[in-house]
Amino acid sequence: MSQAGDLWAILLAAGEGARFGSAKHDADLDGDPLWAHGDRALRSGGVDEVVIVGDVQGGVAGGPRRRDSVARGLDRVPADVDLVLVHDAARPLASAALIRRVIDRLRAGDVGGVVPAVPIRDTIKQTDAEVVTGTVDRSSLVAVQTPQGFVASVLRRAHAAGEEDVTDDAMLVEALGERVVTVPGDPTNIKITYPEDLELARLLRSSGHG
């Protein structure tokens, strides 16, 4: 059974933000940088300690790829910590309730990882350049968000098992054959990728989200 002090998080605030036009983790959202919103939410959701990976005060230097940055954060997590969350600073509206859902399912056991997921609402087409080549059945598809939660020992093994690039840590855990399950995500837990996403985040916060 997990005990108090066993739950840490890695908050990814590295990257150049090429599509955003600047380092988006430092972008201002209602007086605070994006990473500060993530740090506050993780602690409010029940995380004991947060390792920030990025060019921020007290942070760990990021790596050339996302998985490298996570690995550097993992190096700062004590070996006796049982559970680890990985969250993107680019999702500043993650709520404490969402974080607790991930943690509660992770603590329930019988999983290597837990990811928040939302249904796909749009029709998904396959294309070759601009030509539609097929329509994908979306009934079994979901879009996943962060924070994602993992048994720490499983996440360490997953990062040690290969060097392929991935878009999230659940892919590495899945490759081990470990069980990854979903919990309900939150449509307002948007990812800041383009400048207009930051404007949407401001609107959502003004209406009580995040």
N, C-alpha and C. Protein backbone atom coordinates (compact mmCIF):
# COMPACT_ATOMS: atom_id res chain seq x y z
N MET A 1 0.86 -1.19 0.00
CA MET A 1 0.00 0.00 0.00
C MET A 1 0.89 1.24 0.00
N SER A 2 0.54 2.21 -0.83
CA SER A 2 1.33 3.43 -0.92
C SER A 2 1.18 4.26 0.35
N GLN A 3 2.23 4.95 0.72
CA GLN A 3 2.23 5.78 1.92
C GLN A 3 2.42 7.23 1.54
N ALA A 4 2.17 8.14 2.50
CA ALA A 4 2.35 9.56 2.26
C ALA A 4 3.80 9.84 1.89
N GLY A 5 4.00 10.74 0.96
CA GLY A 5 5.35 11.08 0.53
C GLY A 5 5.85 10.23 -0.60
N ASP A 6 5.01 9.34 -1.13
CA ASP A 6 5.45 8.41 -2.17
C ASP A 6 5.09 8.87 -3.56
N LEU A 7 4.45 10.03 -3.69
CA LEU A 7 3.92 10.46 -4.98
C LEU A 7 4.59 11.76 -5.43
N TRP A 8 5.35 11.66 -6.50
CA TRP A 8 6.03 12.81 -7.08
C TRP A 8 5.50 13.06 -8.49
N ALA A 9 5.82 14.23 -9.02
CA ALA A 9 5.44 14.56 -10.39
C ALA A 9 6.61 15.19 -11.12
N ILE A 10 6.65 14.96 -12.42
CA ILE A 10 7.61 15.62 -13.30
C ILE A 10 6.81 16.58 -14.17
N LEU A 11 7.14 17.86 -14.10
CA LEU A 11 6.45 18.88 -14.86
C LEU A 11 7.36 19.34 -15.99
N LEU A 12 6.95 19.08 -17.22
CA LEU A 12 7.79 19.38 -18.39
C LEU A 12 7.58 20.81 -18.85
N ALA A 13 8.62 21.62 -18.67
CA ALA A 13 8.59 23.03 -19.06
C ALA A 13 9.78 23.34 -19.95
N ALA A 14 10.22 22.35 -20.72
CA ALA A 14 11.33 22.53 -21.65
C ALA A 14 10.80 22.70 -23.07
N GLY A 15 11.68 22.84 -24.03
CA GLY A 15 11.25 23.00 -25.42
C GLY A 15 11.26 24.45 -25.84
N GLU A 16 11.43 24.64 -27.15
CA GLU A 16 11.56 25.99 -27.69
C GLU A 16 10.22 26.62 -28.07
N GLY A 17 9.17 25.81 -28.16
CA GLY A 17 7.86 26.35 -28.53
C GLY A 17 7.84 26.93 -29.93
N ALA A 18 8.35 26.16 -30.91
CA ALA A 18 8.47 26.66 -32.28
C ALA A 18 7.13 27.10 -32.85
N ARG A 19 6.08 26.31 -32.63
CA ARG A 19 4.76 26.66 -33.18
C ARG A 19 4.12 27.81 -32.42
N PHE A 20 4.51 27.97 -31.16
CA PHE A 20 3.96 29.06 -30.35
C PHE A 20 4.66 30.38 -30.65
N GLY A 21 5.94 30.28 -31.06
CA GLY A 21 6.70 31.49 -31.39
C GLY A 21 7.66 31.92 -30.31
N SER A 22 7.63 31.25 -29.16
CA SER A 22 8.54 31.54 -28.05
C SER A 22 8.43 30.39 -27.06
N ALA A 23 9.20 30.46 -25.97
CA ALA A 23 9.14 29.42 -24.94
C ALA A 23 7.79 29.51 -24.23
N LYS A 24 6.85 28.65 -24.61
CA LYS A 24 5.48 28.83 -24.13
C LYS A 24 5.32 28.57 -22.64
N HIS A 25 6.23 27.80 -22.02
CA HIS A 25 6.07 27.54 -20.59
C HIS A 25 6.20 28.82 -19.77
N ASP A 26 6.84 29.86 -20.37
CA ASP A 26 6.99 31.15 -19.69
C ASP A 26 5.87 32.13 -20.04
N ALA A 27 4.98 31.74 -20.95
CA ALA A 27 3.91 32.65 -21.37
C ALA A 27 3.03 33.01 -20.18
N ASP A 28 2.60 34.25 -20.14
CA ASP A 28 1.81 34.74 -19.02
C ASP A 28 0.33 34.35 -19.16
N LEU A 29 -0.18 33.77 -18.10
CA LEU A 29 -1.61 33.47 -18.03
C LEU A 29 -2.12 34.02 -16.71
N ASP A 30 -2.81 35.14 -16.79
CA ASP A 30 -3.38 35.79 -15.62
C ASP A 30 -2.34 36.06 -14.52
N GLY A 31 -1.17 36.53 -14.95
CA GLY A 31 -0.16 36.96 -14.00
C GLY A 31 0.88 35.93 -13.60
N ASP A 32 0.73 34.70 -14.05
CA ASP A 32 1.70 33.65 -13.74
C ASP A 32 2.11 32.93 -15.02
N PRO A 33 3.36 32.43 -15.09
CA PRO A 33 3.76 31.63 -16.24
C PRO A 33 3.01 30.30 -16.25
N LEU A 34 2.91 29.70 -17.43
CA LEU A 34 2.15 28.45 -17.55
C LEU A 34 2.64 27.39 -16.57
N TRP A 35 3.97 27.27 -16.42
CA TRP A 35 4.49 26.20 -15.56
C TRP A 35 4.03 26.37 -14.12
N ALA A 36 3.86 27.61 -13.67
CA ALA A 36 3.43 27.83 -12.29
C ALA A 36 2.01 27.33 -12.06
N HIS A 37 1.16 27.47 -13.07
CA HIS A 37 -0.20 26.94 -12.96
C HIS A 37 -0.16 25.42 -12.80
N GLY A 38 0.69 24.76 -13.59
CA GLY A 38 0.81 23.31 -13.51
C GLY A 38 1.35 22.86 -12.17
N ASP A 39 2.35 23.55 -11.68
CA ASP A 39 2.96 23.21 -10.39
C ASP A 39 1.91 23.33 -9.27
N ARG A 40 1.16 24.39 -9.30
CA ARG A 40 0.15 24.63 -8.26
C ARG A 40 -0.95 23.56 -8.33
N ALA A 41 -1.38 23.22 -9.54
CA ALA A 41 -2.45 22.23 -9.70
C ALA A 41 -2.01 20.85 -9.21
N LEU A 42 -0.78 20.47 -9.55
CA LEU A 42 -0.29 19.16 -9.12
C LEU A 42 -0.25 19.06 -7.60
N ARG A 43 0.21 20.09 -6.95
CA ARG A 43 0.28 20.07 -5.49
C ARG A 43 -1.13 20.08 -4.88
N SER A 44 -2.03 20.85 -5.48
CA SER A 44 -3.41 20.87 -4.99
C SER A 44 -4.10 19.52 -5.18
N GLY A 45 -3.68 18.79 -6.22
CA GLY A 45 -4.27 17.49 -6.50
C GLY A 45 -3.75 16.36 -5.64
N GLY A 46 -2.71 16.62 -4.84
CA GLY A 46 -2.22 15.61 -3.92
C GLY A 46 -0.80 15.14 -4.14
N VAL A 47 -0.07 15.77 -5.06
CA VAL A 47 1.33 15.39 -5.30
C VAL A 47 2.20 15.93 -4.18
N ASP A 48 3.14 15.11 -3.73
CA ASP A 48 4.01 15.51 -2.61
C ASP A 48 5.13 16.44 -3.05
N GLU A 49 5.79 16.14 -4.17
CA GLU A 49 6.89 16.95 -4.67
C GLU A 49 6.81 17.02 -6.18
N VAL A 50 7.27 18.15 -6.73
CA VAL A 50 7.26 18.36 -8.18
C VAL A 50 8.67 18.66 -8.66
N VAL A 51 9.14 17.90 -9.64
CA VAL A 51 10.41 18.17 -10.30
C VAL A 51 10.08 18.91 -11.60
N ILE A 52 10.55 20.14 -11.72
CA ILE A 52 10.29 20.92 -12.93
C ILE A 52 11.48 20.77 -13.87
N VAL A 53 11.20 20.35 -15.08
CA VAL A 53 12.24 20.18 -16.09
C VAL A 53 12.12 21.33 -17.09
N GLY A 54 13.11 22.21 -17.08
CA GLY A 54 13.06 23.36 -17.97
C GLY A 54 13.88 24.51 -17.41
N ASP A 55 13.96 25.56 -18.18
CA ASP A 55 14.77 26.72 -17.83
C ASP A 55 13.97 27.65 -16.92
N VAL A 56 13.72 27.17 -15.70
CA VAL A 56 13.04 27.95 -14.68
C VAL A 56 13.85 27.85 -13.39
N GLN A 57 13.62 28.75 -12.47
CA GLN A 57 14.37 28.74 -11.22
C GLN A 57 14.16 27.42 -10.48
N GLY A 58 15.26 26.75 -10.15
CA GLY A 58 15.17 25.48 -9.46
C GLY A 58 14.88 24.30 -10.35
N GLY A 59 14.78 24.54 -11.66
CA GLY A 59 14.44 23.48 -12.58
C GLY A 59 15.65 22.66 -13.02
N VAL A 60 15.36 21.50 -13.62
CA VAL A 60 16.36 20.61 -14.19
C VAL A 60 16.43 20.90 -15.69
N ALA A 61 17.62 20.94 -16.25
CA ALA A 61 17.77 21.20 -17.68
C ALA A 61 17.08 20.12 -18.49
N GLY A 62 16.34 20.53 -19.52
CA GLY A 62 15.65 19.60 -20.39
C GLY A 62 16.59 18.95 -21.39
N GLY A 63 16.11 17.90 -22.05
CA GLY A 63 16.89 17.20 -23.06
C GLY A 63 16.43 17.55 -24.45
N PRO A 64 17.08 16.96 -25.47
CA PRO A 64 16.73 17.28 -26.86
C PRO A 64 15.36 16.78 -27.28
N ARG A 65 14.87 15.71 -26.63
CA ARG A 65 13.55 15.17 -26.93
C ARG A 65 12.71 15.13 -25.66
N ARG A 66 11.41 14.96 -25.85
CA ARG A 66 10.51 14.89 -24.69
C ARG A 66 10.94 13.77 -23.75
N ARG A 67 11.20 12.59 -24.30
CA ARG A 67 11.54 11.46 -23.45
C ARG A 67 12.84 11.70 -22.69
N ASP A 68 13.76 12.46 -23.31
CA ASP A 68 15.01 12.79 -22.62
C ASP A 68 14.74 13.70 -21.43
N SER A 69 13.83 14.64 -21.61
CA SER A 69 13.48 15.54 -20.51
C SER A 69 12.83 14.78 -19.36
N VAL A 70 11.94 13.84 -19.70
CA VAL A 70 11.31 13.03 -18.65
C VAL A 70 12.36 12.21 -17.91
N ALA A 71 13.29 11.63 -18.66
CA ALA A 71 14.34 10.82 -18.04
C ALA A 71 15.18 11.65 -17.08
N ARG A 72 15.47 12.89 -17.45
CA ARG A 72 16.24 13.76 -16.55
C ARG A 72 15.45 14.09 -15.30
N GLY A 73 14.14 14.25 -15.45
CA GLY A 73 13.30 14.46 -14.28
C GLY A 73 13.26 13.23 -13.39
N LEU A 74 13.18 12.05 -14.01
CA LEU A 74 13.16 10.80 -13.25
C LEU A 74 14.43 10.63 -12.42
N ASP A 75 15.54 11.11 -12.95
CA ASP A 75 16.80 11.02 -12.20
C ASP A 75 16.75 11.77 -10.88
N ARG A 76 15.85 12.76 -10.78
CA ARG A 76 15.72 13.54 -9.55
C ARG A 76 14.67 12.97 -8.59
N VAL A 77 13.95 11.96 -9.03
CA VAL A 77 12.93 11.34 -8.18
C VAL A 77 13.59 10.25 -7.35
N PRO A 78 13.48 10.30 -6.02
CA PRO A 78 14.12 9.29 -5.18
C PRO A 78 13.69 7.87 -5.53
N ALA A 79 14.60 6.93 -5.34
CA ALA A 79 14.36 5.54 -5.72
C ALA A 79 13.21 4.91 -4.93
N ASP A 80 12.92 5.43 -3.72
CA ASP A 80 11.87 4.82 -2.91
C ASP A 80 10.48 5.42 -3.15
N VAL A 81 10.39 6.34 -4.11
CA VAL A 81 9.08 6.88 -4.48
C VAL A 81 8.33 5.83 -5.31
N ASP A 82 7.08 5.59 -4.99
CA ASP A 82 6.30 4.53 -5.63
C ASP A 82 5.62 4.96 -6.92
N LEU A 83 5.08 6.19 -6.93
CA LEU A 83 4.23 6.63 -8.02
C LEU A 83 4.72 7.97 -8.57
N VAL A 84 4.62 8.11 -9.90
CA VAL A 84 5.09 9.33 -10.57
C VAL A 84 4.05 9.78 -11.57
N LEU A 85 3.75 11.07 -11.56
CA LEU A 85 2.92 11.69 -12.59
C LEU A 85 3.82 12.47 -13.53
N VAL A 86 3.46 12.49 -14.81
CA VAL A 86 4.17 13.30 -15.80
C VAL A 86 3.15 14.25 -16.41
N HIS A 87 3.45 15.55 -16.33
CA HIS A 87 2.49 16.55 -16.80
C HIS A 87 3.20 17.58 -17.66
N ASP A 88 2.49 18.08 -18.67
CA ASP A 88 3.01 19.11 -19.56
C ASP A 88 2.63 20.49 -19.02
N ALA A 89 3.62 21.36 -18.87
CA ALA A 89 3.32 22.73 -18.46
C ALA A 89 2.42 23.42 -19.47
N ALA A 90 2.39 22.91 -20.70
CA ALA A 90 1.53 23.49 -21.74
C ALA A 90 0.06 23.19 -21.52
N ARG A 91 -0.27 22.45 -20.45
CA ARG A 91 -1.68 22.22 -20.07
C ARG A 91 -1.93 22.89 -18.72
N PRO A 92 -2.06 24.21 -18.70
CA PRO A 92 -2.16 24.93 -17.43
C PRO A 92 -3.52 24.85 -16.77
N LEU A 93 -4.53 24.31 -17.45
CA LEU A 93 -5.88 24.28 -16.89
C LEU A 93 -6.25 22.94 -16.28
N ALA A 94 -5.28 22.04 -16.16
CA ALA A 94 -5.57 20.76 -15.49
C ALA A 94 -6.08 21.04 -14.09
N SER A 95 -7.19 20.45 -13.74
CA SER A 95 -7.80 20.72 -12.44
C SER A 95 -7.31 19.73 -11.38
N ALA A 96 -7.43 20.14 -10.12
CA ALA A 96 -7.08 19.23 -9.03
C ALA A 96 -7.96 17.99 -9.07
N ALA A 97 -9.22 18.13 -9.48
CA ALA A 97 -10.12 16.98 -9.56
C ALA A 97 -9.64 15.98 -10.60
N LEU A 98 -9.17 16.46 -11.75
CA LEU A 98 -8.64 15.57 -12.78
C LEU A 98 -7.39 14.85 -12.26
N ILE A 99 -6.53 15.59 -11.61
CA ILE A 99 -5.30 14.99 -11.08
C ILE A 99 -5.63 13.92 -10.04
N ARG A 100 -6.60 14.18 -9.21
CA ARG A 100 -7.00 13.18 -8.20
C ARG A 100 -7.58 11.94 -8.86
N ARG A 101 -8.30 12.09 -9.98
CA ARG A 101 -8.83 10.91 -10.68
C ARG A 101 -7.69 10.00 -11.14
N VAL A 102 -6.65 10.61 -11.69
CA VAL A 102 -5.50 9.84 -12.14
C VAL A 102 -4.84 9.14 -10.95
N ILE A 103 -4.64 9.89 -9.87
CA ILE A 103 -3.96 9.33 -8.69
C ILE A 103 -4.79 8.21 -8.07
N ASP A 104 -6.09 8.42 -7.92
CA ASP A 104 -6.94 7.42 -7.28
C ASP A 104 -6.93 6.11 -8.07
N ARG A 105 -6.98 6.21 -9.41
CA ARG A 105 -6.97 4.97 -10.21
C ARG A 105 -5.60 4.30 -10.13
N LEU A 106 -4.54 5.09 -10.09
CA LEU A 106 -3.20 4.53 -9.98
C LEU A 106 -3.03 3.81 -8.65
N ARG A 107 -3.53 4.41 -7.58
CA ARG A 107 -3.43 3.79 -6.26
C ARG A 107 -4.28 2.53 -6.15
N ALA A 108 -5.33 2.43 -6.96
CA ALA A 108 -6.19 1.25 -6.89
C ALA A 108 -5.47 -0.02 -7.34
N GLY A 109 -4.37 0.14 -8.08
CA GLY A 109 -3.53 -1.00 -8.43
C GLY A 109 -3.92 -1.70 -9.72
N ASP A 110 -3.17 -2.77 -10.03
CA ASP A 110 -3.40 -3.61 -11.20
C ASP A 110 -3.14 -2.88 -12.52
N VAL A 111 -2.33 -1.82 -12.48
CA VAL A 111 -2.00 -1.07 -13.69
C VAL A 111 -0.54 -0.63 -13.63
N GLY A 112 0.03 -0.43 -14.83
CA GLY A 112 1.35 0.19 -14.90
C GLY A 112 1.24 1.68 -15.12
N GLY A 113 0.11 2.10 -15.74
CA GLY A 113 -0.07 3.51 -16.03
C GLY A 113 -1.53 3.89 -16.16
N VAL A 114 -1.80 5.18 -15.97
CA VAL A 114 -3.16 5.73 -16.06
C VAL A 114 -3.09 7.01 -16.88
N VAL A 115 -3.98 7.14 -17.87
CA VAL A 115 -4.00 8.34 -18.70
C VAL A 115 -5.42 8.91 -18.74
N PRO A 116 -5.57 10.23 -18.62
CA PRO A 116 -6.89 10.84 -18.81
C PRO A 116 -7.21 10.90 -20.30
N ALA A 117 -8.45 10.63 -20.63
CA ALA A 117 -8.83 10.55 -22.04
C ALA A 117 -10.19 11.19 -22.27
N VAL A 118 -10.36 11.78 -23.44
CA VAL A 118 -11.64 12.36 -23.85
C VAL A 118 -12.04 11.76 -25.19
N PRO A 119 -13.35 11.62 -25.44
CA PRO A 119 -13.80 11.03 -26.70
C PRO A 119 -13.41 11.90 -27.90
N ILE A 120 -13.23 11.24 -29.04
CA ILE A 120 -13.03 11.95 -30.30
C ILE A 120 -14.39 12.41 -30.81
N ARG A 121 -14.57 13.70 -30.99
CA ARG A 121 -15.87 14.23 -31.39
C ARG A 121 -15.99 14.42 -32.90
N ASP A 122 -14.85 14.61 -33.56
CA ASP A 122 -14.88 14.86 -35.00
C ASP A 122 -14.72 13.56 -35.79
N THR A 123 -15.21 13.57 -37.01
CA THR A 123 -14.94 12.47 -37.93
C THR A 123 -13.46 12.51 -38.32
N ILE A 124 -12.82 11.34 -38.32
CA ILE A 124 -11.38 11.25 -38.60
C ILE A 124 -11.18 10.65 -39.99
N LYS A 125 -10.47 11.36 -40.85
CA LYS A 125 -10.18 10.91 -42.20
C LYS A 125 -8.70 10.56 -42.35
N GLN A 126 -8.43 9.52 -43.13
CA GLN A 126 -7.07 9.24 -43.57
C GLN A 126 -6.85 9.96 -44.89
N THR A 127 -5.66 10.55 -45.06
CA THR A 127 -5.38 11.27 -46.29
C THR A 127 -4.01 10.91 -46.83
N ASP A 128 -3.85 11.08 -48.10
CA ASP A 128 -2.55 11.01 -48.76
C ASP A 128 -2.36 12.36 -49.42
N ALA A 129 -1.51 13.20 -48.82
CA ALA A 129 -1.43 14.61 -49.21
C ALA A 129 -2.81 15.22 -48.97
N GLU A 130 -3.48 15.71 -50.02
CA GLU A 130 -4.79 16.34 -49.83
C GLU A 130 -5.94 15.42 -50.20
N VAL A 131 -5.64 14.18 -50.57
CA VAL A 131 -6.68 13.26 -51.03
C VAL A 131 -7.13 12.36 -49.89
N VAL A 132 -8.43 12.30 -49.64
CA VAL A 132 -9.00 11.43 -48.62
C VAL A 132 -8.93 9.98 -49.10
N THR A 133 -8.34 9.11 -48.28
CA THR A 133 -8.21 7.70 -48.65
C THR A 133 -9.07 6.78 -47.78
N GLY A 134 -9.70 7.32 -46.76
CA GLY A 134 -10.54 6.48 -45.92
C GLY A 134 -11.04 7.23 -44.71
N THR A 135 -12.01 6.65 -44.02
CA THR A 135 -12.57 7.21 -42.81
C THR A 135 -12.33 6.23 -41.67
N VAL A 136 -11.82 6.72 -40.57
CA VAL A 136 -11.45 5.88 -39.44
C VAL A 136 -12.65 5.72 -38.49
N ASP A 137 -12.88 4.49 -38.04
CA ASP A 137 -13.92 4.25 -37.06
C ASP A 137 -13.47 4.86 -35.73
N ARG A 138 -14.16 5.88 -35.26
CA ARG A 138 -13.72 6.58 -34.06
C ARG A 138 -14.30 5.99 -32.78
N SER A 139 -15.11 4.94 -32.88
CA SER A 139 -15.79 4.41 -31.70
C SER A 139 -14.83 3.89 -30.65
N SER A 140 -13.65 3.45 -31.06
CA SER A 140 -12.68 2.93 -30.10
C SER A 140 -11.50 3.87 -29.90
N LEU A 141 -11.63 5.10 -30.40
CA LEU A 141 -10.54 6.06 -30.29
C LEU A 141 -10.81 7.09 -29.19
N VAL A 142 -9.75 7.50 -28.52
CA VAL A 142 -9.82 8.59 -27.54
C VAL A 142 -8.60 9.48 -27.73
N ALA A 143 -8.71 10.72 -27.28
CA ALA A 143 -7.57 11.63 -27.24
C ALA A 143 -7.07 11.68 -25.80
N VAL A 144 -5.77 11.49 -25.59
CA VAL A 144 -5.25 11.44 -24.23
C VAL A 144 -4.60 12.77 -23.85
N GLN A 145 -4.59 13.02 -22.56
CA GLN A 145 -4.08 14.27 -22.00
C GLN A 145 -3.00 13.95 -20.97
N THR A 146 -2.49 14.97 -20.34
CA THR A 146 -1.68 14.82 -19.14
C THR A 146 -2.38 15.58 -18.02
N PRO A 147 -2.10 15.25 -16.75
CA PRO A 147 -1.04 14.38 -16.28
C PRO A 147 -1.34 12.90 -16.49
N GLN A 148 -0.29 12.15 -16.78
CA GLN A 148 -0.35 10.70 -16.84
C GLN A 148 0.37 10.15 -15.62
N GLY A 149 -0.18 9.08 -15.05
CA GLY A 149 0.38 8.53 -13.83
C GLY A 149 0.95 7.14 -14.05
N PHE A 150 2.06 6.83 -13.34
CA PHE A 150 2.74 5.56 -13.54
C PHE A 150 3.28 5.02 -12.22
N VAL A 151 3.35 3.69 -12.15
CA VAL A 151 4.16 3.07 -11.12
C VAL A 151 5.60 3.44 -11.46
N ALA A 152 6.31 4.03 -10.51
CA ALA A 152 7.63 4.60 -10.79
C ALA A 152 8.61 3.56 -11.33
N SER A 153 8.60 2.36 -10.76
CA SER A 153 9.53 1.33 -11.22
C SER A 153 9.22 0.92 -12.66
N VAL A 154 7.96 0.93 -13.03
CA VAL A 154 7.57 0.59 -14.41
C VAL A 154 8.03 1.68 -15.36
N LEU A 155 7.85 2.93 -14.97
CA LEU A 155 8.26 4.03 -15.85
C LEU A 155 9.78 4.03 -16.03
N ARG A 156 10.52 3.71 -14.99
CA ARG A 156 11.97 3.63 -15.12
C ARG A 156 12.38 2.52 -16.08
N ARG A 157 11.75 1.36 -15.96
CA ARG A 157 12.05 0.26 -16.88
C ARG A 157 11.70 0.63 -18.31
N ALA A 158 10.59 1.33 -18.48
CA ALA A 158 10.15 1.71 -19.82
C ALA A 158 11.15 2.65 -20.48
N HIS A 159 11.70 3.58 -19.70
CA HIS A 159 12.67 4.51 -20.27
C HIS A 159 14.01 3.84 -20.54
N ALA A 160 14.30 2.79 -19.80
CA ALA A 160 15.57 2.08 -20.00
C ALA A 160 15.49 1.06 -21.13
N ALA A 161 14.28 0.74 -21.59
CA ALA A 161 14.11 -0.37 -22.53
C ALA A 161 14.41 -0.03 -23.98
N GLY A 162 14.40 1.23 -24.35
CA GLY A 162 14.63 1.57 -25.75
C GLY A 162 14.94 3.04 -25.91
N GLU A 163 15.23 3.43 -27.15
CA GLU A 163 15.60 4.81 -27.43
C GLU A 163 14.69 5.48 -28.45
N GLU A 164 13.61 4.79 -28.85
CA GLU A 164 12.74 5.38 -29.85
C GLU A 164 12.06 6.63 -29.32
N ASP A 165 11.78 7.58 -30.20
CA ASP A 165 11.10 8.80 -29.80
C ASP A 165 9.61 8.52 -29.65
N VAL A 166 8.97 9.16 -28.72
CA VAL A 166 7.55 8.95 -28.45
C VAL A 166 6.89 10.29 -28.16
N THR A 167 5.57 10.31 -28.26
CA THR A 167 4.84 11.54 -27.98
C THR A 167 4.27 11.57 -26.56
N ASP A 168 4.22 10.42 -25.90
CA ASP A 168 3.88 10.41 -24.48
C ASP A 168 4.51 9.20 -23.82
N ASP A 169 4.58 9.23 -22.49
CA ASP A 169 5.25 8.16 -21.76
C ASP A 169 4.44 6.88 -21.74
N ALA A 170 3.14 6.98 -21.90
CA ALA A 170 2.31 5.78 -21.93
C ALA A 170 2.74 4.86 -23.07
N MET A 171 3.21 5.41 -24.17
CA MET A 171 3.67 4.58 -25.29
C MET A 171 4.82 3.68 -24.87
N LEU A 172 5.72 4.19 -24.05
CA LEU A 172 6.85 3.40 -23.58
C LEU A 172 6.38 2.30 -22.64
N VAL A 173 5.44 2.61 -21.78
CA VAL A 173 4.92 1.63 -20.83
C VAL A 173 4.12 0.56 -21.58
N GLU A 174 3.35 0.97 -22.57
CA GLU A 174 2.60 0.00 -23.38
C GLU A 174 3.55 -0.98 -24.07
N ALA A 175 4.70 -0.46 -24.53
CA ALA A 175 5.66 -1.30 -25.24
C ALA A 175 6.23 -2.39 -24.35
N LEU A 176 6.20 -2.20 -23.04
CA LEU A 176 6.64 -3.23 -22.10
C LEU A 176 5.60 -4.33 -21.93
N GLY A 177 4.39 -4.08 -22.42
CA GLY A 177 3.29 -5.00 -22.19
C GLY A 177 2.56 -4.74 -20.89
N GLU A 178 2.87 -3.62 -20.26
CA GLU A 178 2.19 -3.27 -19.02
C GLU A 178 0.80 -2.71 -19.31
N ARG A 179 -0.09 -2.87 -18.35
CA ARG A 179 -1.48 -2.44 -18.51
C ARG A 179 -1.59 -0.93 -18.28
N VAL A 180 -2.11 -0.23 -19.28
CA VAL A 180 -2.38 1.20 -19.18
C VAL A 180 -3.88 1.39 -19.33
N VAL A 181 -4.49 2.11 -18.39
CA VAL A 181 -5.94 2.32 -18.43
C VAL A 181 -6.25 3.81 -18.49
N THR A 182 -7.48 4.12 -18.84
CA THR A 182 -7.91 5.51 -18.95
C THR A 182 -8.86 5.88 -17.80
N VAL A 183 -8.86 7.17 -17.50
CA VAL A 183 -9.88 7.76 -16.64
C VAL A 183 -10.45 8.94 -17.42
N PRO A 184 -11.65 9.40 -17.06
CA PRO A 184 -12.22 10.52 -17.80
C PRO A 184 -11.34 11.76 -17.74
N GLY A 185 -11.04 12.30 -18.91
CA GLY A 185 -10.29 13.54 -18.98
C GLY A 185 -11.22 14.74 -18.88
N ASP A 186 -10.73 15.89 -19.29
CA ASP A 186 -11.51 17.12 -19.20
C ASP A 186 -11.32 17.91 -20.49
N PRO A 187 -12.40 18.17 -21.23
CA PRO A 187 -12.27 18.92 -22.48
C PRO A 187 -11.64 20.30 -22.31
N THR A 188 -11.72 20.87 -21.11
CA THR A 188 -11.13 22.20 -20.89
C THR A 188 -9.63 22.12 -20.57
N ASN A 189 -9.11 20.92 -20.44
CA ASN A 189 -7.67 20.72 -20.16
C ASN A 189 -6.90 20.82 -21.49
N ILE A 190 -6.96 21.99 -22.08
CA ILE A 190 -6.41 22.18 -23.42
C ILE A 190 -4.89 22.29 -23.37
N LYS A 191 -4.27 21.98 -24.51
CA LYS A 191 -2.82 22.12 -24.63
C LYS A 191 -2.51 23.41 -25.38
N ILE A 192 -1.63 24.21 -24.82
CA ILE A 192 -1.22 25.46 -25.46
C ILE A 192 -0.16 25.14 -26.52
N THR A 193 -0.55 25.25 -27.77
CA THR A 193 0.37 24.97 -28.88
C THR A 193 0.59 26.22 -29.71
N TYR A 194 -0.47 26.96 -29.97
CA TYR A 194 -0.42 28.18 -30.77
C TYR A 194 -0.86 29.38 -29.92
N PRO A 195 -0.49 30.60 -30.32
CA PRO A 195 -0.88 31.78 -29.53
C PRO A 195 -2.38 31.87 -29.27
N GLU A 196 -3.19 31.47 -30.23
CA GLU A 196 -4.63 31.55 -30.03
C GLU A 196 -5.12 30.61 -28.93
N ASP A 197 -4.36 29.54 -28.65
CA ASP A 197 -4.73 28.64 -27.56
C ASP A 197 -4.62 29.35 -26.21
N LEU A 198 -3.66 30.25 -26.10
CA LEU A 198 -3.50 31.01 -24.85
C LEU A 198 -4.70 31.93 -24.63
N GLU A 199 -5.21 32.50 -25.70
CA GLU A 199 -6.41 33.33 -25.59
C GLU A 199 -7.60 32.51 -25.14
N LEU A 200 -7.72 31.29 -25.68
CA LEU A 200 -8.81 30.41 -25.26
C LEU A 200 -8.65 30.05 -23.78
N ALA A 201 -7.42 29.80 -23.33
CA ALA A 201 -7.19 29.48 -21.92
C ALA A 201 -7.63 30.63 -21.03
N ARG A 202 -7.38 31.86 -21.46
CA ARG A 202 -7.79 33.03 -20.67
C ARG A 202 -9.31 33.08 -20.57
N LEU A 203 -9.98 32.80 -21.68
CA LEU A 203 -11.45 32.79 -21.68
C LEU A 203 -11.98 31.70 -20.76
N LEU A 204 -11.38 30.53 -20.81
CA LEU A 204 -11.84 29.43 -19.97
C LEU A 204 -11.62 29.76 -18.50
N ARG A 205 -10.49 30.37 -18.16
CA ARG A 205 -10.24 30.74 -16.77
C ARG A 205 -11.23 31.81 -16.29
N SER A 206 -11.57 32.71 -17.18
CA SER A 206 -12.51 33.77 -16.80
C SER A 206 -13.91 33.20 -16.55
N SER A 207 -14.17 32.00 -17.10
CA SER A 207 -15.48 31.38 -16.89
C SER A 207 -15.42 30.30 -15.80
N GLY A 208 -14.29 30.27 -15.07
CA GLY A 208 -14.24 29.40 -13.89
C GLY A 208 -13.49 28.11 -14.07
N HIS A 209 -12.79 27.91 -15.18
CA HIS A 209 -12.03 26.66 -15.39
C HIS A 209 -10.55 26.90 -15.08
N GLY A 210 -9.92 25.88 -14.50
CA GLY A 210 -8.50 25.95 -14.25
C GLY A 210 -8.13 26.80 -13.04
